[in-house]
């Protein structure tokens, strides 16, 4: 199999691993609460985690990362359109 770039290849691998584990592909529309429930041994703690997350919708071209910039956040995304 040949991919256009390493990023695409890695995404393909991640989808295959999640599907094989019965967790669904990354592209499936699920809430983060549903997603975390598959991994947390204490689902009752998920609401506490969700209090720390902020939803951000961005348009094409929005810069998420800049090379060399200090990291101050962790970014989770559930779907690219």
Foldseek 3Di string as FASTA:
>chain_A
DDDPDPVVVVLVVQQVVCVVVVQHGLADDDDVLSNVVVPDPCSVCVVVVVVVDDDDDDDPPDDPDDPPDDDDDDDDDRHDD
